[in-house]
């Protein structure tokens, strides 16, 4: 547990990925067990897979089975997923030594935010790197319309492009490095600022610095009202031009 927590300090300190919350949970868990957690000097985040670091002369990896190049223990992983936990492998010098699992907690305001978006006519799609079972359990509880799980950053980008090709206007909400390609591609990129990485905030069109989910439907409603106002103003302007043209023709 100590080497996992030490490795994760790099993510927590530098906000290098959207897994900051996972890193924070692991660090807190280690400290609650009375373990000493020190900073790591050299670590490399592997986008969509995890992180590698040098700890006391050993190469430590925390992340997916692909990152460690090991055969996944599907039975144990699925058991943890069914419990609503995101599971990660831990390896030292290329050898898997264990699994660490972190449980996601659904925010109190998440359900209300999803319902408010539905009321405004939005279709809510979850695109996440989390395990399929974990994602589907969360989506079912929140009333999300569609779920895509176990995604790499390029997969999220593909989903946004496909929706746009079908004629949809897409607003992408994200907070991590893994979300930046999709945020850049979306018609509107929204970064959850307080929890977001600098890359996500810089890429997005809008940064919600208060990090409050109810701001999402509020922003959508504001945008819809703005569009309606623009359309009314354009209609009035065109009508005025038409009247002036008619008056000019009558004068002739």
C-alpha atoms as a PDB file:
ATOM      1  CA  UNK A   1       0.000   0.000   0.000  1.00  0.00           C
ATOM      2  CA  UNK A   2       2.880   2.362   0.795  1.00  0.00           C
ATOM      3  CA  UNK A   3       4.513   2.107  -2.645  1.00  0.00           C
ATOM      4  CA  UNK A   4       1.134   2.616  -4.332  1.00  0.00           C
ATOM      5  CA  UNK A   5       0.456   5.745  -2.290  1.00  0.00           C
ATOM      6  CA  UNK A   6       3.956   7.113  -2.903  1.00  0.00           C
ATOM      7  CA  UNK A   7       3.521   6.569  -6.646  1.00  0.00           C
ATOM      8  CA  UNK A   8       0.161   8.333  -6.628  1.00  0.00           C
ATOM      9  CA  UNK A   9       1.574  11.456  -4.941  1.00  0.00           C
ATOM     10  CA  UNK A  10       2.875  12.496  -8.366  1.00  0.00           C
ATOM     11  CA  UNK A  11      -0.651  12.622  -9.789  1.00  0.00           C
ATOM     12  CA  UNK A  12      -2.062  14.372  -6.738  1.00  0.00           C
ATOM     13  CA  UNK A  13       0.638  17.033  -6.611  1.00  0.00           C
ATOM     14  CA  UNK A  14       0.766  17.919 -10.291  1.00  0.00           C
ATOM     15  CA  UNK A  15      -2.842  17.361 -11.440  1.00  0.00           C
ATOM     16  CA  UNK A  16      -1.477  15.438 -14.402  1.00  0.00           C
ATOM     17  CA  UNK A  17      -4.534  13.333 -15.087  1.00  0.00           C
ATOM     18  CA  UNK A  18      -8.236  12.897 -14.508  1.00  0.00           C
ATOM     19  CA  UNK A  19      -7.423  10.218 -11.919  1.00  0.00           C
ATOM     20  CA  UNK A  20      -6.515  12.805  -9.280  1.00  0.00           C
ATOM     21  CA  UNK A  21      -9.468  11.787  -7.121  1.00  0.00           C
ATOM     22  CA  UNK A  22      -8.330   8.148  -7.217  1.00  0.00           C
ATOM     23  CA  UNK A  23      -4.824   9.213  -6.257  1.00  0.00           C
ATOM     24  CA  UNK A  24      -6.142  11.268  -3.369  1.00  0.00           C
ATOM     25  CA  UNK A  25      -8.236   8.353  -2.097  1.00  0.00           C
ATOM     26  CA  UNK A  26      -5.234   5.994  -2.179  1.00  0.00           C
ATOM     27  CA  UNK A  27      -3.008   8.488  -0.366  1.00  0.00           C
ATOM     28  CA  UNK A  28      -5.653   9.088   2.304  1.00  0.00           C
ATOM     29  CA  UNK A  29      -6.171   5.345   2.699  1.00  0.00           C
ATOM     30  CA  UNK A  30      -2.459   4.795   3.269  1.00  0.00           C
ATOM     31  CA  UNK A  31      -2.238   7.623   5.794  1.00  0.00           C
ATOM     32  CA  UNK A  32      -5.293   6.282   7.648  1.00  0.00           C
ATOM     33  CA  UNK A  33      -3.417   2.995   8.034  1.00  0.00           C
ATOM     34  CA  UNK A  34      -0.504   4.850   9.598  1.00  0.00           C
ATOM     35  CA  UNK A  35       1.761   4.423   6.577  1.00  0.00           C
ATOM     36  CA  UNK A  36       4.359   7.031   5.664  1.00  0.00           C
ATOM     37  CA  UNK A  37       3.778   8.616   2.257  1.00  0.00           C
ATOM     38  CA  UNK A  38       6.652  10.536   0.687  1.00  0.00           C
ATOM     39  CA  UNK A  39       6.899  12.450  -2.567  1.00  0.00           C
ATOM     40  CA  UNK A  40       8.209  10.790  -5.725  1.00  0.00           C
ATOM     41  CA  UNK A  41      10.824  12.531  -7.858  1.00  0.00           C
ATOM     42  CA  UNK A  42      10.347  10.716 -11.162  1.00  0.00           C
ATOM     43  CA  UNK A  43       7.010   9.446 -12.457  1.00  0.00           C
ATOM     44  CA  UNK A  44       5.434   9.085 -15.883  1.00  0.00           C
ATOM     45  CA  UNK A  45       1.647   9.097 -16.363  1.00  0.00           C
ATOM     46  CA  UNK A  46       0.583   6.763 -19.187  1.00  0.00           C
ATOM     47  CA  UNK A  47      -2.551   8.278 -20.689  1.00  0.00           C
ATOM     48  CA  UNK A  48      -5.558   6.032 -20.241  1.00  0.00           C
ATOM     49  CA  UNK A  49      -3.553   3.276 -18.538  1.00  0.00           C
ATOM     50  CA  UNK A  50      -2.003   4.448 -15.273  1.00  0.00           C
ATOM     51  CA  UNK A  51       1.351   5.632 -13.992  1.00  0.00           C
ATOM     52  CA  UNK A  52       4.948   4.411 -13.600  1.00  0.00           C
ATOM     53  CA  UNK A  53       7.403   5.727 -11.031  1.00  0.00           C
ATOM     54  CA  UNK A  54      10.786   5.078  -9.476  1.00  0.00           C
ATOM     55  CA  UNK A  55      10.451   4.271  -5.767  1.00  0.00           C
ATOM     56  CA  UNK A  56      13.557   3.316  -3.767  1.00  0.00           C
ATOM     57  CA  UNK A  57      15.302   2.138  -6.918  1.00  0.00           C
ATOM     58  CA  UNK A  58      12.365   0.004  -8.064  1.00  0.00           C
ATOM     59  CA  UNK A  59      10.033   0.608 -11.010  1.00  0.00           C
ATOM     60  CA  UNK A  60       6.481   0.712  -9.703  1.00  0.00           C
ATOM     61  CA  UNK A  61       3.430   0.679 -11.978  1.00  0.00           C
ATOM     62  CA  UNK A  62      -0.192   1.263 -10.965  1.00  0.00           C
ATOM     63  CA  UNK A  63      -2.964   0.914 -13.520  1.00  0.00           C
ATOM     64  CA  UNK A  64      -4.492  -1.442 -16.053  1.00  0.00           C
ATOM     65  CA  UNK A  65      -3.378  -4.958 -16.984  1.00  0.00           C
ATOM     66  CA  UNK A  66      -2.137  -3.514 -20.298  1.00  0.00           C
ATOM     67  CA  UNK A  67       0.202  -1.164 -18.439  1.00  0.00           C
ATOM     68  CA  UNK A  68       1.781  -4.044 -16.528  1.00  0.00           C
ATOM     69  CA  UNK A  69       1.566  -6.456 -19.470  1.00  0.00           C
ATOM     70  CA  UNK A  70       0.002  -9.145 -17.273  1.00  0.00           C
ATOM     71  CA  UNK A  71      -2.886 -11.557 -17.753  1.00  0.00           C
ATOM     72  CA  UNK A  72      -5.838  -9.967 -15.949  1.00  0.00           C
ATOM     73  CA  UNK A  73      -7.412 -11.745 -12.974  1.00  0.00           C
ATOM     74  CA  UNK A  74     -10.917 -11.307 -14.375  1.00  0.00           C
ATOM     75  CA  UNK A  75     -12.694 -13.120 -11.546  1.00  0.00           C
ATOM     76  CA  UNK A  76     -11.307 -10.848  -8.833  1.00  0.00           C
ATOM     77  CA  UNK A  77     -11.651  -7.706 -10.936  1.00  0.00           C
ATOM     78  CA  UNK A  78     -15.309  -8.458 -11.738  1.00  0.00           C
ATOM     79  CA  UNK A  79     -16.021  -9.106  -8.065  1.00  0.00           C
ATOM     80  CA  UNK A  80     -14.646  -5.680  -7.213  1.00  0.00           C
ATOM     81  CA  UNK A  81     -16.508  -4.040 -10.110  1.00  0.00           C
ATOM     82  CA  UNK A  82     -19.772  -5.567  -8.892  1.00  0.00           C
ATOM     83  CA  UNK A  83     -19.092  -3.865  -5.560  1.00  0.00           C
ATOM     84  CA  UNK A  84     -18.864  -0.543  -7.402  1.00  0.00           C
ATOM     85  CA  UNK A  85     -15.083  -0.368  -7.126  1.00  0.00           C
ATOM     86  CA  UNK A  86     -12.516   0.667  -9.708  1.00  0.00           C
ATOM     87  CA  UNK A  87      -9.660  -1.856  -9.576  1.00  0.00           C
ATOM     88  CA  UNK A  88      -6.033  -1.246 -10.536  1.00  0.00           C
ATOM     89  CA  UNK A  89      -3.074  -3.592 -10.749  1.00  0.00           C
ATOM     90  CA  UNK A  90       0.133  -2.901  -8.848  1.00  0.00           C
ATOM     91  CA  UNK A  91       3.482  -4.067 -10.204  1.00  0.00           C
ATOM     92  CA  UNK A  92       7.107  -3.811  -9.091  1.00  0.00           C
ATOM     93  CA  UNK A  93       9.923  -4.277 -11.607  1.00  0.00           C
ATOM     94  CA  UNK A  94       7.547  -5.851 -14.120  1.00  0.00           C
ATOM     95  CA  UNK A  95       5.976  -8.303 -11.666  1.00  0.00           C
ATOM     96  CA  UNK A  96       2.347  -7.943 -10.546  1.00  0.00           C
ATOM     97  CA  UNK A  97       2.132  -7.987  -6.750  1.00  0.00           C
ATOM     98  CA  UNK A  98      -1.476  -7.076  -6.055  1.00  0.00           C
ATOM     99  CA  UNK A  99      -4.653  -5.167  -6.786  1.00  0.00           C
ATOM    100  CA  UNK A 100      -5.839  -1.922  -5.225  1.00  0.00           C
ATOM    101  CA  UNK A 101      -9.514  -0.934  -5.461  1.00  0.00           C
ATOM    102  CA  UNK A 102     -11.186   2.427  -4.919  1.00  0.00           C
ATOM    103  CA  UNK A 103     -14.934   2.976  -4.637  1.00  0.00           C
ATOM    104  CA  UNK A 104     -16.569   5.878  -6.465  1.00  0.00           C
ATOM    105  CA  UNK A 105     -19.069   7.975  -4.530  1.00  0.00           C
ATOM    106  CA  UNK A 106     -21.862   9.533  -6.562  1.00  0.00           C
ATOM    107  CA  UNK A 107     -22.165  13.236  -5.842  1.00  0.00           C
ATOM    108  CA  UNK A 108     -25.323  14.360  -4.082  1.00  0.00           C
ATOM    109  CA  UNK A 109     -26.174  16.811  -6.861  1.00  0.00           C
ATOM    110  CA  UNK A 110     -25.520  14.418  -9.765  1.00  0.00           C
ATOM    111  CA  UNK A 111     -29.024  12.945 -10.104  1.00  0.00           C
ATOM    112  CA  UNK A 112     -30.716  16.358 -10.009  1.00  0.00           C
ATOM    113  CA  UNK A 113     -28.280  17.685 -12.626  1.00  0.00           C
ATOM    114  CA  UNK A 114     -28.993  14.792 -15.023  1.00  0.00           C
ATOM    115  CA  UNK A 115     -32.751  15.198 -14.594  1.00  0.00           C
ATOM    116  CA  UNK A 116     -32.516  18.950 -15.190  1.00  0.00           C
ATOM    117  CA  UNK A 117     -30.595  18.330 -18.412  1.00  0.00           C
ATOM    118  CA  UNK A 118     -33.295  15.894 -19.541  1.00  0.00           C
ATOM    119  CA  UNK A 119     -35.968  18.516 -18.851  1.00  0.00           C
ATOM    120  CA  UNK A 120     -34.134  20.892 -21.175  1.00  0.00           C
ATOM    121  CA  UNK A 121     -34.173  18.299 -23.950  1.00  0.00           C
ATOM    122  CA  UNK A 122     -30.580  17.126 -23.637  1.00  0.00           C
ATOM    123  CA  UNK A 123     -29.494  13.528 -24.172  1.00  0.00           C
ATOM    124  CA  UNK A 124     -26.979  12.519 -21.510  1.00  0.00           C
ATOM    125  CA  UNK A 125     -24.186  10.113 -22.491  1.00  0.00           C
ATOM    126  CA  UNK A 126     -21.501   8.761 -20.162  1.00  0.00           C
ATOM    127  CA  UNK A 127     -18.058   8.240 -21.727  1.00  0.00           C
ATOM    128  CA  UNK A 128     -15.579   6.936 -19.171  1.00  0.00           C
ATOM    129  CA  UNK A 129     -12.419   4.935 -18.750  1.00  0.00           C
ATOM    130  CA  UNK A 130     -13.946   3.103 -15.793  1.00  0.00           C
ATOM    131  CA  UNK A 131     -14.892  -0.575 -15.911  1.00  0.00           C
ATOM    132  CA  UNK A 132     -18.092  -1.524 -17.746  1.00  0.00           C
ATOM    133  CA  UNK A 133     -19.951  -2.826 -14.691  1.00  0.00           C
ATOM    134  CA  UNK A 134     -19.034   0.146 -12.521  1.00  0.00           C
ATOM    135  CA  UNK A 135     -20.078   2.618 -15.220  1.00  0.00           C
ATOM    136  CA  UNK A 136     -23.393   0.891 -15.911  1.00  0.00           C
ATOM    137  CA  UNK A 137     -24.292   0.760 -12.225  1.00  0.00           C
ATOM    138  CA  UNK A 138     -23.650   4.485 -11.850  1.00  0.00           C
ATOM    139  CA  UNK A 139     -25.497   5.316 -15.080  1.00  0.00           C
ATOM    140  CA  UNK A 140     -28.544   3.300 -14.024  1.00  0.00           C
ATOM    141  CA  UNK A 141     -28.696   5.099 -10.687  1.00  0.00           C
ATOM    142  CA  UNK A 142     -28.461   8.531 -12.316  1.00  0.00           C
ATOM    143  CA  UNK A 143     -30.761   7.881 -15.282  1.00  0.00           C
ATOM    144  CA  UNK A 144     -28.082   8.385 -17.937  1.00  0.00           C
ATOM    145  CA  UNK A 145     -29.326   7.645 -21.469  1.00  0.00           C
ATOM    146  CA  UNK A 146     -26.274   5.867 -22.893  1.00  0.00           C
ATOM    147  CA  UNK A 147     -23.037   4.424 -21.500  1.00  0.00           C
ATOM    148  CA  UNK A 148     -19.601   3.871 -23.068  1.00  0.00           C
ATOM    149  CA  UNK A 149     -16.994   2.435 -20.689  1.00  0.00           C
ATOM    150  CA  UNK A 150     -13.349   1.312 -20.615  1.00  0.00           C
ATOM    151  CA  UNK A 151     -12.465   4.056 -23.103  1.00  0.00           C
ATOM    152  CA  UNK A 152      -9.132   5.490 -24.138  1.00  0.00           C
ATOM    153  CA  UNK A 153      -8.919   9.246 -24.908  1.00  0.00           C
ATOM    154  CA  UNK A 154      -9.194   8.596 -28.654  1.00  0.00           C
ATOM    155  CA  UNK A 155     -12.381   6.574 -28.069  1.00  0.00           C
ATOM    156  CA  UNK A 156     -14.056   9.569 -26.436  1.00  0.00           C
ATOM    157  CA  UNK A 157     -12.978  11.701 -29.388  1.00  0.00           C
ATOM    158  CA  UNK A 158     -14.532   9.181 -31.797  1.00  0.00           C
ATOM    159  CA  UNK A 159     -17.846   9.241 -29.928  1.00  0.00           C
ATOM    160  CA  UNK A 160     -18.018  13.039 -30.158  1.00  0.00           C
ATOM    161  CA  UNK A 161     -17.221  12.988 -33.887  1.00  0.00           C
ATOM    162  CA  UNK A 162     -19.819  10.316 -34.622  1.00  0.00           C
ATOM    163  CA  UNK A 163     -22.516  12.298 -32.817  1.00  0.00           C
ATOM    164  CA  UNK A 164     -21.591  15.421 -34.781  1.00  0.00           C
ATOM    165  CA  UNK A 165     -21.692  13.501 -38.059  1.00  0.00           C
ATOM    166  CA  UNK A 166     -25.272  12.528 -37.201  1.00  0.00           C
ATOM    167  CA  UNK A 167     -26.167  16.205 -36.916  1.00  0.00           C
ATOM    168  CA  UNK A 168     -26.071  16.540 -33.127  1.00  0.00           C
ATOM    169  CA  UNK A 169     -24.668  19.537 -31.295  1.00  0.00           C
ATOM    170  CA  UNK A 170     -22.332  18.106 -28.666  1.00  0.00           C
ATOM    171  CA  UNK A 171     -21.334  19.579 -25.316  1.00  0.00           C
ATOM    172  CA  UNK A 172     -18.517  17.591 -23.703  1.00  0.00           C
ATOM    173  CA  UNK A 173     -17.972  17.834 -19.950  1.00  0.00           C
ATOM    174  CA  UNK A 174     -14.628  16.630 -18.583  1.00  0.00           C
ATOM    175  CA  UNK A 175     -11.942  17.280 -16.003  1.00  0.00           C
ATOM    176  CA  UNK A 176      -8.799  15.404 -16.994  1.00  0.00           C
ATOM    177  CA  UNK A 177      -6.038  15.030 -19.552  1.00  0.00           C
ATOM    178  CA  UNK A 178      -7.863  12.006 -20.963  1.00  0.00           C
ATOM    179  CA  UNK A 179     -10.798  14.282 -21.855  1.00  0.00           C
ATOM    180  CA  UNK A 180      -8.886  16.988 -23.722  1.00  0.00           C
ATOM    181  CA  UNK A 181      -9.168  15.560 -27.286  1.00  0.00           C
ATOM    182  CA  UNK A 182     -12.951  15.221 -26.932  1.00  0.00           C
ATOM    183  CA  UNK A 183     -13.230  18.644 -25.267  1.00  0.00           C
ATOM    184  CA  UNK A 184     -11.402  20.205 -28.222  1.00  0.00           C
ATOM    185  CA  UNK A 185     -13.598  18.425 -30.792  1.00  0.00           C
ATOM    186  CA  UNK A 186     -16.964  19.128 -29.144  1.00  0.00           C
ATOM    187  CA  UNK A 187     -19.104  22.071 -30.212  1.00  0.00           C
ATOM    188  CA  UNK A 188     -18.904  23.206 -26.594  1.00  0.00           C
ATOM    189  CA  UNK A 189     -16.184  21.972 -24.243  1.00  0.00           C
ATOM    190  CA  UNK A 190     -16.930  22.344 -20.540  1.00  0.00           C
ATOM    191  CA  UNK A 191     -14.248  21.770 -17.889  1.00  0.00           C
ATOM    192  CA  UNK A 192     -15.146  21.198 -14.257  1.00  0.00           C
ATOM    193  CA  UNK A 193     -12.635  23.777 -13.140  1.00  0.00           C
ATOM    194  CA  UNK A 194     -12.150  23.120  -9.423  1.00  0.00           C
ATOM    195  CA  UNK A 195     -11.376  19.431 -10.035  1.00  0.00           C
ATOM    196  CA  UNK A 196      -9.983  19.753 -13.525  1.00  0.00           C
ATOM    197  CA  UNK A 197      -6.460  19.477 -14.863  1.00  0.00           C
ATOM    198  CA  UNK A 198      -4.823  22.587 -16.380  1.00  0.00           C
ATOM    199  CA  UNK A 199      -4.917  20.886 -19.800  1.00  0.00           C
ATOM    200  CA  UNK A 200      -8.682  20.354 -19.624  1.00  0.00           C
ATOM    201  CA  UNK A 201      -9.340  23.905 -18.438  1.00  0.00           C
ATOM    202  CA  UNK A 202      -7.140  25.366 -21.179  1.00  0.00           C
ATOM    203  CA  UNK A 203      -8.787  23.255 -23.899  1.00  0.00           C
ATOM    204  CA  UNK A 204     -12.414  23.812 -22.889  1.00  0.00           C
ATOM    205  CA  UNK A 205     -14.596  26.681 -24.076  1.00  0.00           C
ATOM    206  CA  UNK A 206     -16.133  27.051 -20.615  1.00  0.00           C
ATOM    207  CA  UNK A 207     -14.637  26.344 -17.178  1.00  0.00           C
ATOM    208  CA  UNK A 208     -17.087  25.994 -14.292  1.00  0.00           C
ATOM    209  CA  UNK A 209     -14.803  27.110 -11.495  1.00  0.00           C
ATOM    210  CA  UNK A 210     -17.376  26.451  -8.751  1.00  0.00           C
ATOM    211  CA  UNK A 211     -17.361  22.735  -9.707  1.00  0.00           C
ATOM    212  CA  UNK A 212     -21.108  22.495  -9.099  1.00  0.00           C
ATOM    213  CA  UNK A 213     -23.022  20.120 -11.381  1.00  0.00           C
ATOM    214  CA  UNK A 214     -26.278  22.170 -11.290  1.00  0.00           C
ATOM    215  CA  UNK A 215     -24.347  24.830 -13.222  1.00  0.00           C
ATOM    216  CA  UNK A 216     -24.453  22.533 -16.267  1.00  0.00           C
ATOM    217  CA  UNK A 217     -28.234  22.709 -16.876  1.00  0.00           C
ATOM    218  CA  UNK A 218     -28.104  26.402 -15.949  1.00  0.00           C
ATOM    219  CA  UNK A 219     -25.460  26.998 -18.622  1.00  0.00           C
ATOM    220  CA  UNK A 220     -27.506  25.007 -21.154  1.00  0.00           C
ATOM    221  CA  UNK A 221     -30.629  27.008 -20.344  1.00  0.00           C
ATOM    222  CA  UNK A 222     -28.699  30.260 -20.655  1.00  0.00           C
ATOM    223  CA  UNK A 223     -27.362  29.205 -24.057  1.00  0.00           C
ATOM    224  CA  UNK A 224     -30.852  28.223 -25.248  1.00  0.00           C
ATOM    225  CA  UNK A 225     -32.284  31.575 -24.134  1.00  0.00           C
ATOM    226  CA  UNK A 226     -29.438  33.397 -25.870  1.00  0.00           C
ATOM    227  CA  UNK A 227     -30.115  31.559 -29.143  1.00  0.00           C
ATOM    228  CA  UNK A 228     -33.854  32.307 -28.909  1.00  0.00           C
ATOM    229  CA  UNK A 229     -33.124  35.996 -28.297  1.00  0.00           C
ATOM    230  CA  UNK A 230     -30.774  36.101 -31.292  1.00  0.00           C
ATOM    231  CA  UNK A 231     -33.409  34.487 -33.514  1.00  0.00           C
ATOM    232  CA  UNK A 232     -36.063  36.972 -32.383  1.00  0.00           C
ATOM    233  CA  UNK A 233     -33.707  39.895 -32.994  1.00  0.00           C
ATOM    234  CA  UNK A 234     -32.834  38.586 -36.464  1.00  0.00           C
ATOM    235  CA  UNK A 235     -36.525  38.113 -37.274  1.00  0.00           C
ATOM    236  CA  UNK A 236     -37.316  41.663 -36.132  1.00  0.00           C
ATOM    237  CA  UNK A 237     -34.401  43.043 -38.152  1.00  0.00           C
ATOM    238  CA  UNK A 238     -35.512  41.185 -41.297  1.00  0.00           C
ATOM    239  CA  UNK A 239     -39.102  42.318 -40.804  1.00  0.00           C
ATOM    240  CA  UNK A 240     -37.946  45.919 -40.431  1.00  0.00           C
ATOM    241  CA  UNK A 241     -35.882  45.677 -43.617  1.00  0.00           C
ATOM    242  CA  UNK A 242     -38.867  44.198 -45.458  1.00  0.00           C
ATOM    243  CA  UNK A 243     -41.127  47.027 -44.270  1.00  0.00           C
ATOM    244  CA  UNK A 244     -38.576  49.626 -45.321  1.00  0.00           C
ATOM    245  CA  UNK A 245     -38.277  48.001 -48.745  1.00  0.00           C
ATOM    246  CA  UNK A 246     -42.057  47.964 -49.130  1.00  0.00           C
ATOM    247  CA  UNK A 247     -42.263  51.621 -48.103  1.00  0.00           C
ATOM    248  CA  UNK A 248     -39.508  52.509 -50.537  1.00  0.00           C
ATOM    249  CA  UNK A 249     -41.275  50.671 -53.359  1.00  0.00           C
ATOM    250  CA  UNK A 250     -44.560  52.399 -52.540  1.00  0.00           C
ATOM    251  CA  UNK A 251     -42.865  55.789 -52.581  1.00  0.00           C
ATOM    252  CA  UNK A 252     -41.536  55.091 -56.052  1.00  0.00           C
END
